[in-house]
Amino acid sequence: MLDRRIDGVLTDWKAHYAGLFGQHPLCLQHKLADTGLFTDQALEGILENVDRQDYHVNYMDPKSGVRREGEFGNASGKEILDAVKNGNIWINLRAPARQNPAFDDMLRAIYDDFEKYVPGLKTYKQNMTILISSPNVRVKYHVDVPGQSLWQVRGRKKVFVYPAEPPFLSAYGIEKVVINEAHETDIQFQDWFDDYATIYDLEPGEMLHWPLNCPHRVDNYDCMNVSVTTEHWTDALRNKYAVNFANGMLRKMGLKNLDRGTRGLTFYTKLVLAGAVKFSGIQRKDVKPYTVDFAVDPNAPDGVKDIAAYQFTK
């Protein structure tokens, strides 16, 4: 159950948004903060007890500009949150409902609203993550594979959303991410891309939804940020995923000029290929591991201390 039950999540839906959903970026109002699930005390409880498989913690090295992967080590929940408030890190809690089932209630409430307001929308495999990030943190250009929304709960951030098409996102780039040969942050970015971005100053109580696979990046303002991401699948999104997956595997075999359509015999052949490869588990061998080389420490500069590097695969 939610700590404080809310009837409906979205507060300013207009009828014409249904035709824009999934086709154009939308900025809407919400009331997730009313649940009481995002206070310092609530977040500290999750951070203190979260399983290692259920989080990422990252740091952008100011000298190299390289994103580094870390761990919580022996830090308490309060120490971790203090490191976020005073450091230069961001945390992705991948399965908060394992710590508090109320987040499953929240997720259902969100998609109940979407499916109520968008005629014909049927989603599945919905998922939620919590993002907790330091003041002035910059999250680099990246792409998400499922349908995606970003919900701002605490703090303020600037969000840049780019078209999901070349040159902002190449077919090769998304295919590599889909077949697990690249991380979502490995796609190429050029500074001039910002001239073509849609930019939002996201305030507490606002959310963004954008079309499938739109690249995006985020700059926090001078305050700790707490956000929620939600992701989902539909049959149409699954079909696009299958095409990217199959094309990625075929491109590895040397094929070029691959069709990206989601109809006809070629598409159904790719659908079968994607299913067969995923069922076999072959692609798991290509998963790119993370190199973990720091631990969270509120007393260290930027909230991180170096540790002996090791490989970690989720």
Protein backbone atom coordinates (compact mmCIF):
# COMPACT_ATOMS: atom_id res chain seq x y z
CA MET A 1 0.00 0.00 0.00
CA LEU A 2 1.07 3.59 -0.59
CA ASP A 3 2.13 5.49 2.53
CA ARG A 4 -0.48 8.08 1.55
CA ARG A 5 -2.96 6.80 -1.02
CA ILE A 6 -3.46 9.00 -4.08
CA ASP A 7 -6.44 8.77 -6.42
CA GLY A 8 -4.91 9.41 -9.80
CA VAL A 9 -1.36 10.57 -10.43
CA LEU A 10 -1.65 13.05 -13.30
CA THR A 11 -3.38 16.32 -12.44
CA ASP A 12 -3.56 18.37 -15.66
CA TRP A 13 -4.36 15.91 -18.47
CA LYS A 14 -6.07 17.41 -21.53
CA ALA A 15 -7.94 15.35 -24.12
CA HIS A 16 -5.61 16.23 -27.01
CA TYR A 17 -2.60 14.79 -25.12
CA ALA A 18 -3.83 11.30 -26.07
CA GLY A 19 -2.86 11.92 -29.70
CA LEU A 20 0.56 13.26 -28.67
CA PHE A 21 1.44 10.46 -26.24
CA GLY A 22 4.41 8.52 -27.61
CA GLN A 23 4.62 10.79 -30.67
CA HIS A 24 5.81 14.09 -29.16
CA PRO A 25 7.44 15.11 -25.86
CA LEU A 26 4.85 15.90 -23.18
CA CYS A 27 5.38 17.80 -19.90
CA LEU A 28 2.62 17.10 -17.37
CA GLN A 29 1.82 17.70 -13.69
CA HIS A 30 1.76 14.89 -11.09
CA LYS A 31 1.45 14.35 -7.33
CA LEU A 32 3.93 11.56 -6.53
CA ALA A 33 5.37 13.57 -3.65
CA ASP A 34 2.02 13.26 -1.85
CA THR A 35 2.77 9.58 -1.17
CA GLY A 36 5.48 10.37 1.43
CA LEU A 37 7.81 7.82 -0.18
CA PHE A 38 10.59 10.27 -1.06
CA THR A 39 11.51 11.90 2.26
CA ASP A 40 15.11 11.65 3.50
CA GLN A 41 14.08 9.01 6.02
CA ALA A 42 12.33 6.88 3.41
CA LEU A 43 15.26 7.12 0.98
CA GLU A 44 17.83 6.33 3.67
CA GLY A 45 15.94 3.14 4.50
CA ILE A 46 16.10 1.97 0.90
CA LEU A 47 19.77 2.91 0.47
CA GLU A 48 20.74 1.09 3.65
CA ASN A 49 19.16 -2.21 2.64
CA VAL A 50 19.21 -2.34 -1.16
CA ASP A 51 20.67 -5.48 -2.74
CA ARG A 52 23.86 -5.02 -4.79
CA GLN A 53 22.12 -6.17 -7.96
CA ASP A 54 19.49 -3.45 -7.57
CA TYR A 55 21.49 -0.23 -7.87
CA HIS A 56 24.05 1.73 -9.83
CA VAL A 57 26.07 4.59 -8.37
CA ASN A 58 28.05 6.77 -10.78
CA TYR A 59 30.60 9.56 -10.70
CA MET A 60 31.83 11.74 -13.55
CA ASP A 61 35.59 12.17 -13.22
CA PRO A 62 36.20 15.94 -13.64
CA LYS A 63 39.67 15.39 -15.12
CA SER A 64 38.93 12.71 -17.71
CA GLY A 65 35.21 13.29 -18.22
CA VAL A 66 34.76 9.52 -17.94
CA ARG A 67 31.73 8.12 -16.11
CA ARG A 68 32.80 5.75 -13.35
CA GLU A 69 30.81 2.96 -11.72
CA GLY A 70 30.90 2.50 -7.94
CA GLU A 71 29.44 0.71 -4.94
CA PHE A 72 27.97 1.71 -1.56
CA GLY A 73 30.54 -0.32 0.39
CA ASN A 74 29.87 -0.17 4.13
CA ALA A 75 28.20 3.26 4.16
CA SER A 76 24.89 3.62 6.02
CA GLY A 77 21.78 4.97 4.31
CA LYS A 78 22.27 8.37 5.94
CA GLU A 79 25.94 8.47 4.93
CA ILE A 80 25.04 7.64 1.34
CA LEU A 81 22.41 10.38 1.21
CA ASP A 82 24.85 12.85 2.80
CA ALA A 83 27.38 11.96 0.10
CA VAL A 84 24.77 12.73 -2.54
CA LYS A 85 23.82 16.08 -0.96
CA ASN A 86 27.44 17.27 -0.69
CA GLY A 87 29.18 15.30 -3.43
CA ASN A 88 29.11 14.71 -7.15
CA ILE A 89 27.36 11.37 -7.63
CA TRP A 90 24.09 9.97 -8.84
CA ILE A 91 22.30 6.79 -7.81
CA ASN A 92 19.89 4.61 -9.76
CA LEU A 93 17.74 2.36 -7.54
CA ARG A 94 16.54 -0.23 -10.04
CA ALA A 95 13.92 -2.16 -8.04
CA PRO A 96 12.55 -0.01 -5.17
CA ALA A 97 9.50 -2.25 -4.73
CA ARG A 98 11.79 -4.97 -3.39
CA GLN A 99 12.42 -2.62 -0.45
CA ASN A 100 8.90 -1.20 -0.20
CA PRO A 101 5.91 -2.77 -2.05
CA ALA A 102 4.24 0.66 -2.02
CA PHE A 103 6.23 1.45 -5.14
CA ASP A 104 4.34 -1.28 -6.98
CA ASP A 105 1.11 0.48 -6.00
CA MET A 106 2.55 3.73 -7.34
CA LEU A 107 3.57 2.09 -10.61
CA ARG A 108 0.11 0.61 -11.10
CA ALA A 109 -1.49 3.99 -10.37
CA ILE A 110 0.69 5.66 -13.01
CA TYR A 111 -0.17 3.19 -15.75
CA ASP A 112 -3.83 3.09 -14.73
CA ASP A 113 -3.85 6.82 -15.53
CA PHE A 114 -2.04 6.42 -18.86
CA GLU A 115 -4.30 3.60 -20.01
CA LYS A 116 -7.40 5.49 -18.87
CA TYR A 117 -6.45 8.63 -20.76
CA VAL A 118 -4.93 7.15 -23.96
CA PRO A 119 -7.53 5.09 -25.89
CA GLY A 120 -6.23 1.67 -26.94
CA LEU A 121 -3.02 1.90 -24.90
CA LYS A 122 -2.14 -1.49 -23.40
CA THR A 123 1.19 -1.62 -21.57
CA TYR A 124 3.08 -4.48 -19.96
CA LYS A 125 6.43 -5.13 -18.28
CA GLN A 126 6.14 -1.79 -16.50
CA ASN A 127 9.12 -0.88 -14.37
CA MET A 128 10.21 1.91 -12.04
CA THR A 129 13.55 3.25 -10.84
CA ILE A 130 14.44 6.04 -8.40
CA LEU A 131 17.21 8.51 -9.28
CA ILE A 132 18.96 10.39 -6.46
CA SER A 133 21.61 12.84 -7.64
CA SER A 134 23.93 15.54 -6.32
CA PRO A 135 23.67 19.28 -6.96
CA ASN A 136 25.01 20.31 -10.39
CA VAL A 137 25.45 16.71 -11.57
CA ARG A 138 25.35 16.25 -15.33
CA VAL A 139 24.02 12.98 -16.74
CA LYS A 140 25.56 12.40 -20.14
CA TYR A 141 23.79 11.86 -23.43
CA HIS A 142 22.12 8.45 -23.51
CA VAL A 143 19.22 6.44 -24.87
CA ASP A 144 16.70 4.14 -23.16
CA VAL A 145 15.35 1.04 -24.87
CA PRO A 146 11.71 0.78 -23.57
CA GLY A 147 9.04 3.50 -23.49
CA GLN A 148 10.23 6.03 -20.92
CA SER A 149 9.02 8.84 -18.63
CA LEU A 150 10.85 11.01 -16.08
CA TRP A 151 9.03 12.24 -12.95
CA GLN A 152 10.59 15.05 -10.91
CA VAL A 153 9.87 14.80 -7.16
CA ARG A 154 12.52 16.95 -5.42
CA GLY A 155 14.97 19.53 -6.78
CA ARG A 156 15.20 21.06 -10.27
CA LYS A 157 16.90 19.94 -13.45
CA LYS A 158 17.29 20.90 -17.09
CA VAL A 159 16.41 18.10 -19.51
CA PHE A 160 17.51 18.06 -23.18
CA VAL A 161 15.48 15.74 -25.45
CA TYR A 162 16.72 15.00 -28.99
CA PRO A 163 15.07 13.39 -32.02
CA ALA A 164 15.33 9.58 -32.24
CA GLU A 165 16.81 9.67 -35.73
CA PRO A 166 20.18 10.24 -37.44
CA PRO A 167 22.44 12.01 -36.77
CA PHE A 168 21.28 12.15 -33.13
CA LEU A 169 20.80 8.36 -32.98
CA SER A 170 22.09 5.98 -35.63
CA ALA A 171 20.57 2.58 -36.40
CA TYR A 172 23.93 1.03 -35.54
CA GLY A 173 24.02 2.85 -32.19
CA ILE A 174 20.61 1.70 -30.94
CA GLU A 175 21.22 -1.83 -32.21
CA LYS A 176 24.44 -2.12 -30.20
CA VAL A 177 22.58 -1.03 -27.06
CA VAL A 178 19.70 -3.45 -27.69
CA ILE A 179 21.99 -6.47 -28.17
CA ASN A 180 23.98 -5.52 -25.03
CA GLU A 181 27.25 -4.78 -26.82
CA ALA A 182 27.14 -1.14 -25.69
CA HIS A 183 25.84 0.71 -22.66
CA GLU A 184 23.10 3.30 -23.12
CA THR A 185 25.66 6.10 -22.60
CA ASP A 186 27.94 4.86 -25.40
CA ILE A 187 26.03 6.55 -28.23
CA GLN A 188 27.82 9.46 -29.88
CA PHE A 189 27.14 13.10 -28.91
CA GLN A 190 28.20 16.36 -30.60
CA ASP A 191 27.87 19.75 -28.93
CA TRP A 192 25.86 21.13 -31.86
CA PHE A 193 23.10 18.58 -31.14
CA ASP A 194 21.86 21.03 -28.48
CA ASP A 195 20.72 23.40 -31.24
CA TYR A 196 18.04 20.83 -32.12
CA ALA A 197 17.05 19.69 -28.63
CA THR A 198 13.74 20.36 -26.91
CA ILE A 199 14.72 21.77 -23.49
CA TYR A 200 12.71 21.65 -20.27
CA ASP A 201 13.35 23.15 -16.83
CA LEU A 202 11.77 20.38 -14.81
CA GLU A 203 10.29 21.40 -11.45
CA PRO A 204 9.01 19.23 -8.57
CA GLY A 205 5.61 17.86 -9.52
CA GLU A 206 6.37 17.80 -13.27
CA MET A 207 7.03 14.82 -15.53
CA LEU A 208 8.25 14.28 -19.09
CA HIS A 209 7.29 11.59 -21.56
CA TRP A 210 9.02 11.40 -24.95
CA PRO A 211 8.82 9.17 -28.04
CA LEU A 212 10.60 5.82 -28.09
CA ASN A 213 14.42 5.91 -28.03
CA CYS A 214 14.74 9.71 -27.98
CA PRO A 215 18.29 10.44 -26.74
CA HIS A 216 18.44 12.81 -23.79
CA ARG A 217 20.76 14.30 -21.21
CA VAL A 218 20.23 16.06 -17.87
CA ASP A 219 21.86 18.94 -15.95
CA ASN A 220 20.90 19.33 -12.28
CA TYR A 221 20.57 22.79 -10.79
CA ASP A 222 22.35 23.59 -7.51
CA CYS A 223 20.25 21.23 -5.37
CA MET A 224 19.90 17.53 -4.65
CA ASN A 225 17.47 15.91 -7.07
CA VAL A 226 15.09 13.00 -6.55
CA SER A 227 13.32 11.68 -9.62
CA VAL A 228 11.46 8.59 -10.75
CA THR A 229 11.74 6.93 -14.14
CA THR A 230 9.05 4.63 -15.46
CA GLU A 231 9.33 2.33 -18.44
CA HIS A 232 6.91 0.10 -20.28
CA TRP A 233 6.32 -2.01 -23.37
CA THR A 234 3.49 -2.23 -25.85
CA ASP A 235 3.16 -4.54 -28.84
CA ALA A 236 4.31 -1.71 -31.13
CA LEU A 237 7.38 -0.98 -28.97
CA ARG A 238 8.18 -4.70 -28.75
CA ASN A 239 8.11 -4.95 -32.55
CA LYS A 240 10.57 -2.07 -32.92
CA TYR A 241 12.80 -3.71 -30.31
CA ALA A 242 12.70 -7.01 -32.23
CA VAL A 243 13.76 -5.28 -35.44
CA ASN A 244 16.66 -3.53 -33.69
CA PHE A 245 17.72 -6.78 -32.03
CA ALA A 246 17.57 -8.85 -35.22
CA ASN A 247 19.29 -6.14 -37.27
CA GLY A 248 22.03 -5.91 -34.67
CA MET A 249 22.66 -9.64 -34.88
CA LEU A 250 22.54 -9.60 -38.71
CA ARG A 251 24.91 -6.61 -38.85
CA LYS A 252 27.41 -8.63 -36.80
CA MET A 253 27.31 -11.20 -39.62
CA GLY A 254 28.28 -8.52 -42.15
CA LEU A 255 24.87 -7.65 -43.59
CA LYS A 256 24.17 -4.03 -44.51
CA ASN A 257 21.26 -1.85 -45.68
CA LEU A 258 18.91 -3.59 -43.25
CA ASP A 259 15.20 -2.78 -43.38
CA ARG A 260 13.67 -1.30 -40.21
CA GLY A 261 10.00 -1.89 -41.04
CA THR A 262 7.64 -3.66 -38.64
CA ARG A 263 5.34 -5.30 -41.20
CA GLY A 264 5.55 -8.01 -43.80
CA LEU A 265 7.47 -11.26 -44.17
CA THR A 266 10.88 -9.70 -43.51
CA PHE A 267 9.68 -8.33 -40.19
CA TYR A 268 8.15 -11.62 -39.06
CA THR A 269 11.34 -13.45 -39.99
CA LYS A 270 13.26 -10.99 -37.80
CA LEU A 271 10.74 -11.45 -34.99
CA VAL A 272 11.40 -15.20 -35.06
CA LEU A 273 15.17 -14.62 -35.17
CA ALA A 274 15.11 -12.24 -32.21
CA GLY A 275 13.01 -14.66 -30.18
CA ALA A 276 15.23 -17.62 -31.01
CA VAL A 277 18.46 -15.82 -30.12
CA LYS A 278 17.08 -14.44 -26.84
CA PHE A 279 15.62 -17.83 -25.88
CA SER A 280 18.96 -19.53 -26.56
CA GLY A 281 20.81 -17.12 -24.25
CA ILE A 282 23.56 -16.61 -26.84
CA GLN A 283 23.52 -12.82 -26.61
CA ARG A 284 24.27 -12.96 -22.87
CA LYS A 285 27.88 -13.76 -23.77
CA ASP A 286 28.19 -10.30 -25.31
CA VAL A 287 26.97 -8.30 -22.30
CA LYS A 288 29.39 -5.47 -21.60
CA PRO A 289 30.48 -5.57 -17.92
CA TYR A 290 30.82 -2.57 -15.62
CA THR A 291 34.18 -1.74 -14.04
CA VAL A 292 33.61 -0.75 -10.38
CA ASP A 293 36.46 1.39 -9.02
CA PHE A 294 35.08 3.60 -6.23
CA ALA A 295 33.01 3.41 -3.04
CA VAL A 296 30.67 6.07 -1.64
CA ASP A 297 32.21 8.03 1.24
CA PRO A 298 30.62 11.25 2.57
CA ASN A 299 33.99 12.35 3.99
CA ALA A 300 35.88 12.03 0.70
CA PRO A 301 36.12 14.69 -2.04
CA ASP A 302 33.02 14.53 -4.27
CA GLY A 303 31.69 11.76 -1.99
CA VAL A 304 33.81 8.99 -3.53
CA LYS A 305 36.97 7.09 -2.60
CA ASP A 306 38.99 4.90 -4.96
CA ILE A 307 38.99 1.13 -4.48
CA ALA A 308 40.65 -1.75 -6.31
CA ALA A 309 38.78 -2.13 -9.60
CA TYR A 310 36.67 -5.20 -10.34
CA GLN A 311 34.21 -6.28 -13.02
CA PHE A 312 30.49 -6.40 -12.33
CA THR A 313 27.74 -7.63 -14.65
CA LYS A 314 24.04 -7.31 -13.85
